[in-house]
Amino acid sequence: MANSKSSRTTGHQLQLALVISMALVGTAAATTKHFHFYMHDTVTASPGNPSTVVQVTTGTTPLPGAPTTRFGDIYVVDDLLTKGPSPASEAVGRAQGFYLFAAQHELAVMHSLNFVLTKGKHNGSYVVIQARDAIADKVRELPVIGGAGRFRGATGYILLRTHLFNSTTNNAVLEIDMYLTNLSVV
């Protein structure tokens, strides 16, 4: 009997070792794709630069240091994504979704955005971002929670930096570095 139990234990150990080895090989094979672009969040239109943001709800309580911004403000966006920081640089897609001011005592928004790419082999593919953004921080990390098209099954994160902000118009240009892994189709 001792030999029989020992054989079963050794068999289970071999199966476990095989599963771990397969997982490690799969992890080693995973690649990370990096994308870099700029998002143009245009709240206030100007000649030749239409608004890409619509406020749909006004919140209740003004936020510290931003008396025209309120807890509960909700904005729907369809922002241009470009290769460079100028809105005249080559368009690569759109950021579509919404953000809301979700903190009562600080400038922080909750994003629910789709980054839809419109150029090259990724045309029509998109990733989904849903996360908190403490907008006063120099660099913010937001998770990628999924994707579709060539980004099906994607996970990863974006690093978000404010490249330019106009406090009079509330227009902003955001620099985005997006890192994607676990892509089922690349």
N, C-alpha and C. Protein backbone atom coordinates (compact mmCIF):
# COMPACT_ATOMS: atom_id res chain seq x y z
N MET A 1 0.80 -1.20 0.00
CA MET A 1 0.00 0.00 0.00
C MET A 1 0.84 1.26 0.00
N ALA A 2 1.92 1.25 0.74
CA ALA A 2 2.78 2.42 0.79
C ALA A 2 3.30 2.77 -0.59
N ASN A 3 3.65 1.77 -1.38
CA ASN A 3 4.12 2.02 -2.73
C ASN A 3 3.03 2.63 -3.60
N SER A 4 1.80 2.17 -3.44
CA SER A 4 0.68 2.68 -4.23
C SER A 4 0.42 4.16 -3.91
N LYS A 5 0.41 4.54 -2.63
CA LYS A 5 0.19 5.93 -2.24
C LYS A 5 1.35 6.80 -2.70
N SER A 6 2.55 6.29 -2.59
CA SER A 6 3.73 7.03 -3.03
C SER A 6 3.69 7.28 -4.53
N SER A 7 3.23 6.31 -5.30
CA SER A 7 3.12 6.46 -6.75
C SER A 7 2.10 7.52 -7.10
N ARG A 8 0.97 7.53 -6.38
CA ARG A 8 -0.05 8.55 -6.65
C ARG A 8 0.47 9.94 -6.33
N THR A 9 1.17 10.08 -5.21
CA THR A 9 1.71 11.38 -4.84
C THR A 9 2.71 11.85 -5.87
N THR A 10 3.58 10.96 -6.32
CA THR A 10 4.56 11.32 -7.33
C THR A 10 3.86 11.70 -8.64
N GLY A 11 2.81 10.98 -9.00
CA GLY A 11 2.05 11.30 -10.21
C GLY A 11 1.42 12.67 -10.13
N HIS A 12 0.84 13.00 -8.96
CA HIS A 12 0.25 14.33 -8.77
C HIS A 12 1.31 15.41 -8.82
N GLN A 13 2.49 15.13 -8.26
CA GLN A 13 3.57 16.11 -8.28
C GLN A 13 4.03 16.35 -9.72
N LEU A 14 4.10 15.29 -10.53
CA LEU A 14 4.49 15.44 -11.93
C LEU A 14 3.46 16.26 -12.70
N GLN A 15 2.17 15.99 -12.44
CA GLN A 15 1.12 16.77 -13.11
C GLN A 15 1.22 18.24 -12.73
N LEU A 16 1.45 18.50 -11.45
CA LEU A 16 1.58 19.88 -10.99
C LEU A 16 2.79 20.55 -11.63
N ALA A 17 3.91 19.85 -11.69
CA ALA A 17 5.11 20.40 -12.32
C ALA A 17 4.86 20.69 -13.80
N LEU A 18 4.13 19.82 -14.49
CA LEU A 18 3.81 20.03 -15.90
C LEU A 18 2.92 21.27 -16.08
N VAL A 19 1.91 21.43 -15.23
CA VAL A 19 1.03 22.60 -15.31
C VAL A 19 1.82 23.88 -15.07
N ILE A 20 2.69 23.89 -14.06
CA ILE A 20 3.50 25.07 -13.77
C ILE A 20 4.43 25.37 -14.93
N SER A 21 5.05 24.35 -15.50
CA SER A 21 5.94 24.56 -16.65
C SER A 21 5.19 25.15 -17.83
N MET A 22 3.99 24.63 -18.10
CA MET A 22 3.20 25.16 -19.21
C MET A 22 2.82 26.61 -18.95
N ALA A 23 2.49 26.95 -17.71
CA ALA A 23 2.14 28.34 -17.37
C ALA A 23 3.34 29.25 -17.57
N LEU A 24 4.51 28.80 -17.16
CA LEU A 24 5.71 29.61 -17.33
C LEU A 24 6.05 29.82 -18.80
N VAL A 25 5.89 28.78 -19.61
CA VAL A 25 6.15 28.92 -21.05
C VAL A 25 5.17 29.91 -21.65
N GLY A 26 3.88 29.84 -21.25
CA GLY A 26 2.88 30.78 -21.75
C GLY A 26 3.20 32.20 -21.35
N THR A 27 3.68 32.38 -20.12
CA THR A 27 4.04 33.71 -19.65
C THR A 27 5.24 34.24 -20.42
N ALA A 28 6.21 33.41 -20.67
CA ALA A 28 7.40 33.84 -21.39
C ALA A 28 7.06 34.23 -22.82
N ALA A 29 6.04 33.57 -23.38
CA ALA A 29 5.66 33.84 -24.77
C ALA A 29 4.84 35.13 -24.89
N ALA A 30 4.28 35.62 -23.77
CA ALA A 30 3.47 36.83 -23.82
C ALA A 30 4.33 38.02 -24.23
N THR A 31 3.81 38.82 -25.12
CA THR A 31 4.54 40.02 -25.54
C THR A 31 3.73 41.24 -25.16
N THR A 32 4.42 42.31 -25.00
CA THR A 32 3.78 43.58 -24.68
C THR A 32 3.91 44.50 -25.88
N LYS A 33 2.79 45.07 -26.29
CA LYS A 33 2.77 46.05 -27.38
C LYS A 33 2.62 47.44 -26.78
N HIS A 34 3.41 48.38 -27.27
CA HIS A 34 3.38 49.75 -26.77
C HIS A 34 2.80 50.67 -27.84
N PHE A 35 1.87 51.52 -27.46
CA PHE A 35 1.28 52.53 -28.34
C PHE A 35 1.45 53.88 -27.66
N HIS A 36 1.75 54.90 -28.45
CA HIS A 36 1.93 56.25 -27.91
C HIS A 36 1.10 57.21 -28.74
N PHE A 37 0.26 58.01 -28.08
CA PHE A 37 -0.55 58.98 -28.79
C PHE A 37 -1.01 60.06 -27.83
N TYR A 38 -1.71 61.06 -28.38
CA TYR A 38 -2.20 62.19 -27.60
C TYR A 38 -3.72 62.27 -27.74
N MET A 39 -4.37 62.64 -26.64
CA MET A 39 -5.82 62.77 -26.61
C MET A 39 -6.15 64.26 -26.43
N HIS A 40 -7.03 64.77 -27.28
CA HIS A 40 -7.40 66.19 -27.27
C HIS A 40 -8.80 66.33 -26.67
N ASP A 41 -8.85 66.76 -25.42
CA ASP A 41 -10.10 66.91 -24.68
C ASP A 41 -10.52 68.37 -24.78
N THR A 42 -11.41 68.66 -25.74
CA THR A 42 -11.79 70.04 -26.05
C THR A 42 -13.15 70.34 -25.44
N VAL A 43 -13.13 71.03 -24.30
CA VAL A 43 -14.37 71.39 -23.60
C VAL A 43 -14.98 72.64 -24.22
N THR A 44 -14.12 73.62 -24.52
CA THR A 44 -14.57 74.90 -25.07
C THR A 44 -14.13 75.01 -26.52
N ALA A 45 -15.09 75.12 -27.42
CA ALA A 45 -14.79 75.21 -28.86
C ALA A 45 -14.12 76.54 -29.19
N SER A 46 -13.36 76.52 -30.26
CA SER A 46 -12.75 77.74 -30.81
C SER A 46 -12.79 77.60 -32.32
N PRO A 47 -12.53 78.68 -33.08
CA PRO A 47 -12.57 78.56 -34.54
C PRO A 47 -11.64 77.45 -35.04
N GLY A 48 -12.20 76.52 -35.79
CA GLY A 48 -11.44 75.40 -36.33
C GLY A 48 -11.17 74.29 -35.33
N ASN A 49 -11.68 74.40 -34.12
CA ASN A 49 -11.46 73.40 -33.08
C ASN A 49 -12.76 73.17 -32.31
N PRO A 50 -13.64 72.31 -32.86
CA PRO A 50 -14.95 72.10 -32.22
C PRO A 50 -14.83 71.37 -30.88
N SER A 51 -15.83 71.56 -30.05
CA SER A 51 -15.87 70.87 -28.76
C SER A 51 -16.04 69.37 -28.98
N THR A 52 -15.33 68.58 -28.18
CA THR A 52 -15.45 67.12 -28.23
C THR A 52 -15.99 66.58 -26.92
N VAL A 53 -16.42 67.48 -26.05
CA VAL A 53 -16.89 67.14 -24.71
C VAL A 53 -18.23 67.82 -24.46
N VAL A 54 -19.19 67.08 -23.89
CA VAL A 54 -20.49 67.65 -23.54
C VAL A 54 -20.76 67.33 -22.08
N GLN A 55 -21.02 68.37 -21.29
CA GLN A 55 -21.40 68.14 -19.90
C GLN A 55 -22.88 67.76 -19.89
N VAL A 56 -23.20 66.61 -19.30
CA VAL A 56 -24.58 66.12 -19.30
C VAL A 56 -25.24 66.21 -17.93
N THR A 57 -24.44 66.38 -16.89
CA THR A 57 -24.98 66.51 -15.54
C THR A 57 -24.12 67.49 -14.76
N THR A 58 -24.76 68.33 -13.97
CA THR A 58 -24.03 69.23 -13.08
C THR A 58 -24.17 68.71 -11.66
N GLY A 59 -23.04 68.54 -11.00
CA GLY A 59 -23.03 68.02 -9.65
C GLY A 59 -23.49 69.04 -8.62
N THR A 60 -23.28 68.70 -7.36
CA THR A 60 -23.82 69.50 -6.27
C THR A 60 -22.80 70.36 -5.54
N THR A 61 -21.63 69.82 -5.27
CA THR A 61 -20.69 70.49 -4.38
C THR A 61 -19.43 70.91 -5.14
N PRO A 62 -19.08 72.21 -5.12
CA PRO A 62 -17.84 72.65 -5.77
C PRO A 62 -16.62 71.95 -5.15
N LEU A 63 -15.66 71.62 -6.00
CA LEU A 63 -14.46 70.93 -5.53
C LEU A 63 -13.40 71.94 -5.09
N PRO A 64 -12.57 71.57 -4.11
CA PRO A 64 -11.53 72.48 -3.62
C PRO A 64 -10.60 72.92 -4.74
N GLY A 65 -10.39 74.23 -4.84
CA GLY A 65 -9.47 74.77 -5.84
C GLY A 65 -10.04 74.84 -7.24
N ALA A 66 -11.27 74.40 -7.45
CA ALA A 66 -11.90 74.42 -8.78
C ALA A 66 -13.38 74.75 -8.61
N PRO A 67 -13.72 76.01 -8.36
CA PRO A 67 -15.10 76.38 -8.02
C PRO A 67 -16.13 76.11 -9.11
N THR A 68 -15.70 75.96 -10.38
CA THR A 68 -16.67 75.68 -11.45
C THR A 68 -16.80 74.18 -11.71
N THR A 69 -16.03 73.38 -11.01
CA THR A 69 -16.10 71.92 -11.13
C THR A 69 -16.75 71.37 -9.88
N ARG A 70 -17.71 70.47 -10.07
CA ARG A 70 -18.48 69.98 -8.94
C ARG A 70 -18.44 68.46 -8.85
N PHE A 71 -18.53 67.98 -7.61
CA PHE A 71 -18.69 66.55 -7.38
C PHE A 71 -19.98 66.10 -8.07
N GLY A 72 -19.87 65.13 -8.96
CA GLY A 72 -21.04 64.64 -9.69
C GLY A 72 -21.15 65.14 -11.12
N ASP A 73 -20.29 66.09 -11.54
CA ASP A 73 -20.29 66.52 -12.94
C ASP A 73 -19.99 65.31 -13.84
N ILE A 74 -20.76 65.15 -14.90
CA ILE A 74 -20.54 64.06 -15.85
C ILE A 74 -20.38 64.65 -17.24
N TYR A 75 -19.36 64.17 -17.95
CA TYR A 75 -19.04 64.62 -19.31
C TYR A 75 -18.99 63.42 -20.26
N VAL A 76 -19.61 63.56 -21.42
CA VAL A 76 -19.51 62.57 -22.49
C VAL A 76 -18.47 63.09 -23.47
N VAL A 77 -17.58 62.19 -23.92
CA VAL A 77 -16.47 62.62 -24.77
C VAL A 77 -16.39 61.79 -26.06
N ASP A 78 -15.90 62.45 -27.09
CA ASP A 78 -15.52 61.81 -28.36
C ASP A 78 -14.27 62.56 -28.82
N ASP A 79 -13.17 62.31 -28.10
CA ASP A 79 -11.93 63.06 -28.28
C ASP A 79 -11.06 62.48 -29.39
N LEU A 80 -10.39 63.36 -30.09
CA LEU A 80 -9.43 62.99 -31.12
C LEU A 80 -8.17 62.41 -30.49
N LEU A 81 -7.65 61.33 -31.08
CA LEU A 81 -6.36 60.76 -30.72
C LEU A 81 -5.41 61.01 -31.88
N THR A 82 -4.24 61.56 -31.60
CA THR A 82 -3.27 61.89 -32.67
C THR A 82 -1.88 61.37 -32.31
N LYS A 83 -1.03 61.28 -33.35
CA LYS A 83 0.36 60.85 -33.15
C LYS A 83 1.17 61.88 -32.36
N GLY A 84 0.91 63.15 -32.60
CA GLY A 84 1.66 64.22 -31.93
C GLY A 84 0.75 65.06 -31.07
N PRO A 85 1.31 66.02 -30.32
CA PRO A 85 0.50 66.84 -29.42
C PRO A 85 -0.37 67.88 -30.10
N SER A 86 -0.13 68.17 -31.38
CA SER A 86 -0.94 69.14 -32.11
C SER A 86 -2.20 68.46 -32.65
N PRO A 87 -3.35 69.14 -32.57
CA PRO A 87 -4.56 68.53 -33.16
C PRO A 87 -4.44 68.39 -34.68
N ALA A 88 -3.48 69.08 -35.29
CA ALA A 88 -3.26 68.96 -36.74
C ALA A 88 -2.38 67.75 -37.09
N SER A 89 -1.78 67.09 -36.11
CA SER A 89 -0.96 65.92 -36.42
C SER A 89 -1.86 64.75 -36.83
N GLU A 90 -1.25 63.70 -37.35
CA GLU A 90 -2.01 62.58 -37.92
C GLU A 90 -2.96 61.95 -36.89
N ALA A 91 -4.23 61.84 -37.26
CA ALA A 91 -5.23 61.21 -36.40
C ALA A 91 -5.02 59.70 -36.40
N VAL A 92 -5.11 59.08 -35.21
CA VAL A 92 -4.97 57.63 -35.10
C VAL A 92 -6.22 56.98 -34.51
N GLY A 93 -7.15 57.80 -33.99
CA GLY A 93 -8.36 57.22 -33.43
C GLY A 93 -9.17 58.22 -32.65
N ARG A 94 -10.07 57.66 -31.81
CA ARG A 94 -10.97 58.47 -30.98
C ARG A 94 -11.02 57.85 -29.58
N ALA A 95 -11.17 58.70 -28.58
CA ALA A 95 -11.46 58.26 -27.21
C ALA A 95 -12.93 58.57 -26.98
N GLN A 96 -13.73 57.54 -26.81
CA GLN A 96 -15.18 57.71 -26.71
C GLN A 96 -15.68 57.10 -25.40
N GLY A 97 -16.53 57.84 -24.71
CA GLY A 97 -17.09 57.35 -23.46
C GLY A 97 -17.51 58.50 -22.57
N PHE A 98 -17.20 58.37 -21.27
CA PHE A 98 -17.55 59.44 -20.35
C PHE A 98 -16.58 59.46 -19.17
N TYR A 99 -16.58 60.59 -18.49
CA TYR A 99 -15.89 60.68 -17.21
C TYR A 99 -16.74 61.49 -16.26
N LEU A 100 -16.60 61.18 -14.99
CA LEU A 100 -17.37 61.90 -13.98
C LEU A 100 -16.48 62.23 -12.79
N PHE A 101 -16.74 63.37 -12.19
CA PHE A 101 -16.01 63.76 -10.99
C PHE A 101 -16.60 62.98 -9.83
N ALA A 102 -15.84 61.99 -9.36
CA ALA A 102 -16.36 61.00 -8.43
C ALA A 102 -15.80 61.13 -7.02
N ALA A 103 -15.00 62.15 -6.76
CA ALA A 103 -14.46 62.38 -5.42
C ALA A 103 -15.01 63.70 -4.89
N GLN A 104 -15.35 63.74 -3.61
CA GLN A 104 -15.95 64.94 -3.04
C GLN A 104 -14.93 65.98 -2.60
N HIS A 105 -13.69 65.54 -2.33
CA HIS A 105 -12.73 66.45 -1.72
C HIS A 105 -11.43 66.61 -2.51
N GLU A 106 -11.40 66.13 -3.75
CA GLU A 106 -10.21 66.27 -4.59
C GLU A 106 -10.61 66.19 -6.06
N LEU A 107 -9.71 66.65 -6.93
CA LEU A 107 -9.95 66.56 -8.37
C LEU A 107 -9.58 65.17 -8.85
N ALA A 108 -10.57 64.31 -8.92
CA ALA A 108 -10.38 62.94 -9.40
C ALA A 108 -11.61 62.54 -10.20
N VAL A 109 -11.38 61.94 -11.34
CA VAL A 109 -12.49 61.50 -12.18
C VAL A 109 -12.47 59.99 -12.31
N MET A 110 -13.60 59.44 -12.65
CA MET A 110 -13.70 58.03 -13.01
C MET A 110 -13.92 58.01 -14.51
N HIS A 111 -13.00 57.35 -15.22
CA HIS A 111 -13.10 57.24 -16.68
C HIS A 111 -13.78 55.93 -17.05
N SER A 112 -14.60 55.99 -18.05
CA SER A 112 -15.09 54.81 -18.75
C SER A 112 -14.95 55.15 -20.23
N LEU A 113 -13.83 54.71 -20.82
CA LEU A 113 -13.48 55.12 -22.18
C LEU A 113 -13.14 53.93 -23.06
N ASN A 114 -13.45 54.07 -24.33
CA ASN A 114 -12.98 53.15 -25.37
C ASN A 114 -11.99 53.93 -26.22
N PHE A 115 -10.77 53.41 -26.37
CA PHE A 115 -9.80 53.98 -27.30
C PHE A 115 -9.95 53.21 -28.60
N VAL A 116 -10.62 53.84 -29.58
CA VAL A 116 -10.91 53.21 -30.87
C VAL A 116 -9.86 53.68 -31.87
N LEU A 117 -9.08 52.74 -32.40
CA LEU A 117 -8.05 53.11 -33.38
C LEU A 117 -8.64 53.07 -34.78
N THR A 118 -8.19 53.99 -35.63
CA THR A 118 -8.79 54.15 -36.96
C THR A 118 -7.76 54.09 -38.08
N LYS A 119 -6.54 53.65 -37.79
CA LYS A 119 -5.49 53.61 -38.81
C LYS A 119 -4.83 52.24 -38.87
N GLY A 120 -4.36 51.89 -40.05
CA GLY A 120 -3.54 50.70 -40.25
C GLY A 120 -4.21 49.40 -39.85
N LYS A 121 -3.39 48.45 -39.44
CA LYS A 121 -3.90 47.11 -39.14
C LYS A 121 -4.80 47.07 -37.91
N HIS A 122 -4.78 48.12 -37.09
CA HIS A 122 -5.62 48.16 -35.90
C HIS A 122 -6.93 48.93 -36.12
N ASN A 123 -7.21 49.33 -37.35
CA ASN A 123 -8.42 50.08 -37.68
C ASN A 123 -9.67 49.34 -37.18
N GLY A 124 -10.46 50.03 -36.36
CA GLY A 124 -11.70 49.45 -35.84
C GLY A 124 -11.52 48.69 -34.53
N SER A 125 -10.30 48.40 -34.15
CA SER A 125 -10.05 47.72 -32.87
C SER A 125 -10.06 48.75 -31.75
N TYR A 126 -10.41 48.29 -30.55
CA TYR A 126 -10.43 49.22 -29.43
C TYR A 126 -10.09 48.52 -28.12
N VAL A 127 -9.66 49.32 -27.16
CA VAL A 127 -9.44 48.86 -25.79
C VAL A 127 -10.37 49.63 -24.87
N VAL A 128 -10.67 49.02 -23.74
CA VAL A 128 -11.58 49.60 -22.77
C VAL A 128 -10.80 49.97 -21.51
N ILE A 129 -10.97 51.22 -21.09
CA ILE A 129 -10.35 51.74 -19.88
C ILE A 129 -11.46 52.07 -18.90
N GLN A 130 -11.33 51.60 -17.68
CA GLN A 130 -12.27 52.02 -16.64
C GLN A 130 -11.46 52.16 -15.37
N ALA A 131 -11.32 53.42 -14.91
CA ALA A 131 -10.44 53.64 -13.77
C ALA A 131 -10.58 55.02 -13.19
N ARG A 132 -9.98 55.17 -12.03
CA ARG A 132 -9.87 56.45 -11.33
C ARG A 132 -8.66 57.19 -11.87
N ASP A 133 -8.80 58.51 -12.00
CA ASP A 133 -7.72 59.36 -12.48
C ASP A 133 -7.62 60.58 -11.56
N ALA A 134 -6.58 60.61 -10.74
CA ALA A 134 -6.32 61.77 -9.89
C ALA A 134 -5.63 62.80 -10.77
N ILE A 135 -6.41 63.66 -11.42
CA ILE A 135 -5.93 64.47 -12.53
C ILE A 135 -4.82 65.45 -12.18
N ALA A 136 -4.62 65.75 -10.90
CA ALA A 136 -3.54 66.66 -10.52
C ALA A 136 -2.18 65.95 -10.43
N ASP A 137 -2.18 64.61 -10.40
CA ASP A 137 -0.92 63.86 -10.34
C ASP A 137 -0.18 63.98 -11.66
N LYS A 138 1.14 63.97 -11.60
CA LYS A 138 1.94 64.11 -12.81
C LYS A 138 1.74 62.93 -13.77
N VAL A 139 1.78 61.71 -13.24
CA VAL A 139 1.57 60.51 -14.05
C VAL A 139 0.50 59.67 -13.36
N ARG A 140 -0.48 59.24 -14.15
CA ARG A 140 -1.54 58.38 -13.63
C ARG A 140 -1.51 57.06 -14.38
N GLU A 141 -1.75 55.97 -13.65
CA GLU A 141 -1.81 54.64 -14.26
C GLU A 141 -3.25 54.16 -14.23
N LEU A 142 -3.77 53.80 -15.41
CA LEU A 142 -5.14 53.33 -15.53
C LEU A 142 -5.13 51.96 -16.18
N PRO A 143 -5.89 51.01 -15.67
CA PRO A 143 -5.87 49.67 -16.25
C PRO A 143 -6.69 49.56 -17.54
N VAL A 144 -6.21 48.71 -18.43
CA VAL A 144 -6.98 48.29 -19.60
C VAL A 144 -7.75 47.06 -19.14
N ILE A 145 -9.06 47.07 -19.27
CA ILE A 145 -9.85 45.95 -18.77
C ILE A 145 -10.37 45.03 -19.86
N GLY A 146 -10.07 45.35 -21.11
CA GLY A 146 -10.50 44.49 -22.21
C GLY A 146 -10.29 45.16 -23.54
N GLY A 147 -10.73 44.47 -24.57
CA GLY A 147 -10.60 45.01 -25.91
C GLY A 147 -11.36 44.17 -26.91
N ALA A 148 -11.38 44.65 -28.15
CA ALA A 148 -12.08 43.94 -29.22
C ALA A 148 -11.31 44.12 -30.51
N GLY A 149 -11.65 43.31 -31.51
CA GLY A 149 -10.92 43.35 -32.77
C GLY A 149 -9.53 42.77 -32.57
N ARG A 150 -8.51 43.45 -33.05
CA ARG A 150 -7.13 42.98 -32.89
C ARG A 150 -6.66 43.07 -31.43
N PHE A 151 -7.48 43.70 -30.58
CA PHE A 151 -7.15 43.80 -29.16
C PHE A 151 -7.99 42.87 -28.30
N ARG A 152 -8.63 41.88 -28.92
CA ARG A 152 -9.47 40.93 -28.18
C ARG A 152 -8.64 40.28 -27.09
N GLY A 153 -9.17 40.27 -25.88
CA GLY A 153 -8.50 39.64 -24.74
C GLY A 153 -7.37 40.46 -24.15
N ALA A 154 -7.21 41.69 -24.59
CA ALA A 154 -6.09 42.51 -24.10
C ALA A 154 -6.23 42.85 -22.62
N THR A 155 -5.10 42.88 -21.98
CA THR A 155 -4.99 43.45 -20.65
C THR A 155 -3.81 44.40 -20.71
N GLY A 156 -3.64 45.16 -19.69
CA GLY A 156 -2.52 46.08 -19.68
C GLY A 156 -2.84 47.33 -18.91
N TYR A 157 -2.18 48.41 -19.28
CA TYR A 157 -2.37 49.67 -18.58
C TYR A 157 -1.97 50.82 -19.48
N ILE A 158 -2.42 52.00 -19.10
CA ILE A 158 -1.95 53.22 -19.77
C ILE A 158 -1.32 54.11 -18.71
N LEU A 159 -0.32 54.85 -19.16
CA LEU A 159 0.26 55.91 -18.34
C LEU A 159 -0.23 57.21 -18.96
N LEU A 160 -0.86 58.01 -18.17
CA LEU A 160 -1.52 59.23 -18.64
C LEU A 160 -0.81 60.43 -18.03
N ARG A 161 -0.43 61.38 -18.88
CA ARG A 161 0.22 62.61 -18.43
C ARG A 161 -0.52 63.79 -19.06
N THR A 162 -0.66 64.87 -18.30
CA THR A 162 -1.24 66.08 -18.86
C THR A 162 -0.14 66.83 -19.58
N HIS A 163 -0.24 66.88 -20.91
CA HIS A 163 0.75 67.57 -21.74
C HIS A 163 0.49 69.08 -21.72
N LEU A 164 -0.80 69.44 -21.76
CA LEU A 164 -1.18 70.84 -21.82
C LEU A 164 -2.56 70.98 -21.19
N PHE A 165 -2.74 72.02 -20.38
CA PHE A 165 -4.06 72.30 -19.81
C PHE A 165 -4.27 73.80 -19.80
N ASN A 166 -5.43 74.23 -20.29
CA ASN A 166 -5.80 75.64 -20.30
C ASN A 166 -6.88 75.84 -19.23
N SER A 167 -6.54 76.53 -18.15
CA SER A 167 -7.49 76.69 -17.04
C SER A 167 -8.65 77.62 -17.37
N THR A 168 -8.53 78.42 -18.42
CA THR A 168 -9.63 79.30 -18.83
C THR A 168 -10.69 78.52 -19.60
N THR A 169 -10.26 77.66 -20.52
CA THR A 169 -11.18 76.90 -21.36
C THR A 169 -11.44 75.48 -20.85
N ASN A 170 -10.60 75.00 -19.94
CA ASN A 170 -10.60 73.60 -19.46
C ASN A 170 -10.24 72.61 -20.55
N ASN A 171 -9.69 73.09 -21.67
CA ASN A 171 -9.22 72.19 -22.72
C ASN A 171 -7.89 71.58 -22.29
N ALA A 172 -7.70 70.32 -22.68
CA ALA A 172 -6.48 69.62 -22.29
C ALA A 172 -5.97 68.75 -23.42
N VAL A 173 -4.67 68.55 -23.45
CA VAL A 173 -4.03 67.56 -24.32
C VAL A 173 -3.34 66.58 -23.38
N LEU A 174 -3.71 65.33 -23.49
CA LEU A 174 -3.17 64.28 -22.62
C LEU A 174 -2.24 63.39 -23.42
N GLU A 175 -1.09 63.09 -22.86
CA GLU A 175 -0.14 62.17 -23.49
C GLU A 175 -0.41 60.78 -22.93
N ILE A 176 -0.53 59.81 -23.84
CA ILE A 176 -0.89 58.45 -23.44
C ILE A 176 0.15 57.46 -23.94
N ASP A 177 0.67 56.67 -23.01
CA ASP A 177 1.49 55.50 -23.33
C ASP A 177 0.66 54.30 -22.93
N MET A 178 0.31 53.46 -23.91
CA MET A 178 -0.54 52.30 -23.67
C MET A 178 0.28 51.03 -23.87
N TYR A 179 0.23 50.14 -22.87
CA TYR A 179 0.97 48.88 -22.91
C TYR A 179 -0.05 47.75 -22.83
N LEU A 180 -0.09 46.92 -23.88
CA LEU A 180 -1.07 45.84 -23.96
C LEU A 180 -0.38 44.48 -23.98
N THR A 181 -0.94 43.54 -23.24
CA THR A 181 -0.48 42.14 -23.26
C THR A 181 -1.69 41.25 -23.44
N ASN A 182 -1.44 39.98 -23.57
CA ASN A 182 -2.49 38.96 -23.70
C ASN A 182 -3.39 39.20 -24.91
N LEU A 183 -2.80 39.67 -25.99
CA LEU A 183 -3.59 39.88 -27.19
C LEU A 183 -3.81 38.54 -27.88
N SER A 184 -5.05 38.25 -28.25
CA SER A 184 -5.31 36.98 -28.93
C SER A 184 -4.96 37.09 -30.41
N VAL A 185 -5.02 38.28 -30.95
CA VAL A 185 -4.68 38.52 -32.35
C VAL A 185 -3.81 39.78 -32.37
N VAL A 186 -2.65 39.72 -32.98
CA VAL A 186 -1.79 40.92 -32.99
C VAL A 186 -1.57 41.42 -34.41
